[in-house]
Amino acid sequence: MLSSNITESILNIIKGITSIQIFQFDFWFHPAPTSLIEAVLPFVVFVLITFLGVGALFYNQWKVGKYPPKNRIFKPLATGLIIIGIFGLIFTALNWQGISFLGMRIFLLAPFLAAVAWFLFFLRLLKKEVPDQVVKYETRLIKRRYFTKKK
């Protein structure tokens, strides 16, 4: 009796999940957007990702400058976000056109997940490795400044 209730509950949960559109296999492999929000939202997201990359590039240029520990983080972060954002915009345009293969929604999800993974990877580097690199860089500068032999 208990196992049949559990089985029935699990089947009802699975039916509920499969009735949600984004959990259906056909949703991700259909090229045309079905609503205005579905057409505009990816465009806005990828424009924001691109602007985030451009902003990080300008921040690297103006604030960080030639400070190697942080420069090694912000430059690849920015260029990666710009490239991923542009690819996302291209796939968004292909989706708007209803192109059958490259316009599929799965090609909108892939650059978004790549941008999130790229950002989180460099955020982890910024939080964990950069403080140690900053200390090493600063000590190297101090040693070079005060402990060099003058001839």
Protein backbone atom coordinates (compact mmCIF):
# COMPACT_ATOMS: atom_id res chain seq x y z
CA MET A 1 0.00 0.00 0.00
CA LEU A 2 2.75 2.43 0.98
CA SER A 3 4.92 1.57 -2.02
CA SER A 4 2.03 2.14 -4.43
CA ASN A 5 1.37 5.56 -2.87
CA ILE A 6 5.04 6.47 -3.19
CA THR A 7 5.13 5.24 -6.78
CA GLU A 8 1.97 7.18 -7.60
CA SER A 9 3.39 10.33 -6.00
CA ILE A 10 6.63 9.99 -7.97
CA LEU A 11 4.69 9.52 -11.22
CA ASN A 12 2.61 12.63 -10.47
CA ILE A 13 5.78 14.64 -9.82
CA ILE A 14 7.31 13.41 -13.10
CA LYS A 15 4.10 14.33 -14.99
CA GLY A 16 4.23 17.78 -13.43
CA ILE A 17 7.85 18.26 -14.43
CA THR A 18 7.36 17.07 -18.00
CA SER A 19 4.40 19.39 -18.44
CA ILE A 20 6.70 22.39 -17.88
CA GLN A 21 7.83 23.55 -21.30
CA ILE A 22 11.53 24.04 -20.62
CA PHE A 23 11.90 20.46 -19.38
CA GLN A 24 10.65 19.05 -22.68
CA PHE A 25 13.16 17.81 -25.22
CA ASP A 26 11.39 19.49 -28.17
CA PHE A 27 11.56 22.91 -26.52
CA TRP A 28 15.37 23.12 -26.73
CA PHE A 29 15.57 21.84 -30.31
CA HIS A 30 12.96 24.11 -31.88
CA PRO A 31 14.36 27.12 -33.74
CA ALA A 32 11.70 29.84 -33.57
CA PRO A 33 10.82 31.89 -30.48
CA THR A 34 7.19 31.50 -29.46
CA SER A 35 6.71 34.78 -27.62
CA LEU A 36 8.09 38.29 -27.54
CA ILE A 37 9.73 37.72 -24.14
CA GLU A 38 11.44 34.60 -25.45
CA ALA A 39 12.75 36.61 -28.39
CA VAL A 40 13.91 39.69 -26.48
CA LEU A 41 15.22 38.14 -23.24
CA PRO A 42 18.22 36.30 -24.80
CA PHE A 43 19.14 39.44 -26.73
CA VAL A 44 19.10 41.54 -23.56
CA VAL A 45 21.07 38.90 -21.61
CA PHE A 46 23.80 38.63 -24.24
CA VAL A 47 24.04 42.40 -24.64
CA LEU A 48 24.50 42.64 -20.86
CA ILE A 49 27.17 39.91 -20.95
CA THR A 50 28.98 41.78 -23.73
CA PHE A 51 28.76 45.09 -21.84
CA LEU A 52 30.00 43.36 -18.69
CA GLY A 53 33.04 42.19 -20.66
CA VAL A 54 33.63 45.65 -22.12
CA GLY A 55 33.25 47.16 -18.64
CA ALA A 56 35.77 44.69 -17.21
CA LEU A 57 38.16 45.54 -20.05
CA PHE A 58 37.88 49.27 -19.32
CA TYR A 59 38.23 48.62 -15.58
CA ASN A 60 41.37 46.64 -16.32
CA GLN A 61 42.73 49.44 -18.50
CA TRP A 62 41.94 52.39 -16.21
CA LYS A 63 41.91 51.10 -12.63
CA VAL A 64 44.14 48.04 -12.64
CA GLY A 65 46.57 49.33 -15.23
CA LYS A 66 49.84 47.42 -15.32
CA TYR A 67 49.41 45.63 -12.01
CA PRO A 68 50.26 42.03 -13.02
CA PRO A 69 48.35 39.96 -10.44
CA LYS A 70 44.99 41.54 -11.21
CA ASN A 71 45.79 42.18 -14.85
CA ARG A 72 46.18 38.42 -15.40
CA ILE A 73 42.60 37.97 -14.21
CA PHE A 74 40.66 40.88 -15.71
CA LYS A 75 42.02 40.77 -19.25
CA PRO A 76 41.10 37.14 -20.04
CA LEU A 77 37.83 37.51 -18.12
CA ALA A 78 36.84 40.52 -20.20
CA THR A 79 37.84 39.11 -23.57
CA GLY A 80 36.09 35.81 -22.83
CA LEU A 81 32.85 37.56 -21.84
CA ILE A 82 32.96 39.74 -24.95
CA ILE A 83 33.50 36.75 -27.24
CA ILE A 84 30.80 34.66 -25.54
CA GLY A 85 28.39 37.61 -25.63
CA ILE A 86 28.96 38.16 -29.35
CA PHE A 87 28.44 34.46 -30.08
CA GLY A 88 25.25 34.59 -28.03
CA LEU A 89 24.04 37.59 -30.03
CA ILE A 90 24.77 35.73 -33.27
CA PHE A 91 22.81 32.69 -32.08
CA THR A 92 19.99 34.99 -30.93
CA ALA A 93 19.80 36.50 -34.41
CA LEU A 94 19.75 33.00 -35.93
CA ASN A 95 16.96 32.03 -33.55
CA TRP A 96 14.93 35.11 -34.55
CA GLN A 97 15.30 34.14 -38.18
CA GLY A 98 14.06 30.62 -37.43
CA ILE A 99 17.11 28.93 -38.95
CA SER A 100 16.63 25.26 -38.30
CA PHE A 101 19.98 24.09 -36.95
CA LEU A 102 21.94 27.01 -35.48
CA GLY A 103 18.81 28.81 -34.33
CA MET A 104 17.84 26.15 -31.80
CA ARG A 105 17.31 27.25 -28.22
CA ILE A 106 20.05 24.91 -27.03
CA PHE A 107 22.53 27.21 -28.81
CA LEU A 108 21.23 30.08 -26.68
CA LEU A 109 21.66 28.09 -23.49
CA ALA A 110 25.22 26.97 -24.26
CA PRO A 111 26.81 30.48 -24.49
CA PHE A 112 24.89 31.61 -21.41
CA LEU A 113 26.15 28.67 -19.37
CA ALA A 114 29.65 29.21 -20.78
CA ALA A 115 29.56 32.87 -19.70
CA VAL A 116 28.39 31.94 -16.21
CA ALA A 117 31.09 29.26 -15.89
CA TRP A 118 33.75 31.64 -17.27
CA PHE A 119 32.77 34.38 -14.82
CA LEU A 120 32.64 32.01 -11.83
CA PHE A 121 36.04 30.52 -12.72
CA PHE A 122 37.71 33.93 -12.77
CA LEU A 123 35.82 35.04 -9.68
CA ARG A 124 37.24 32.00 -7.86
CA LEU A 125 40.72 32.92 -9.11
CA LEU A 126 40.22 36.50 -7.97
CA LYS A 127 39.16 35.45 -4.47
CA LYS A 128 41.60 32.59 -3.87
CA GLU A 129 44.79 33.10 -5.85
CA VAL A 130 45.12 36.83 -6.42
CA PRO A 131 45.65 37.82 -2.75
CA ASP A 132 48.68 35.50 -2.54
CA GLN A 133 49.98 36.79 -5.87
CA VAL A 134 49.55 40.39 -4.71
CA VAL A 135 51.59 39.72 -1.58
CA LYS A 136 54.34 38.03 -3.60
CA TYR A 137 54.36 40.85 -6.16
CA GLU A 138 54.50 43.56 -3.49
CA THR A 139 57.34 41.83 -1.63
CA ARG A 140 59.23 41.43 -4.89
CA LEU A 141 58.82 45.17 -5.56
CA ILE A 142 60.01 46.06 -2.06
CA LYS A 143 63.01 43.74 -2.32
CA ARG A 144 63.91 45.18 -5.69
CA ARG A 145 63.58 48.72 -4.36
CA TYR A 146 65.50 48.43 -1.12
CA PHE A 147 67.81 45.47 -1.53
CA THR A 148 69.38 46.10 -4.92
CA LYS A 149 73.09 46.77 -4.91
CA LYS A 150 74.08 50.12 -6.25
CA LYS A 151 77.27 50.20 -8.25
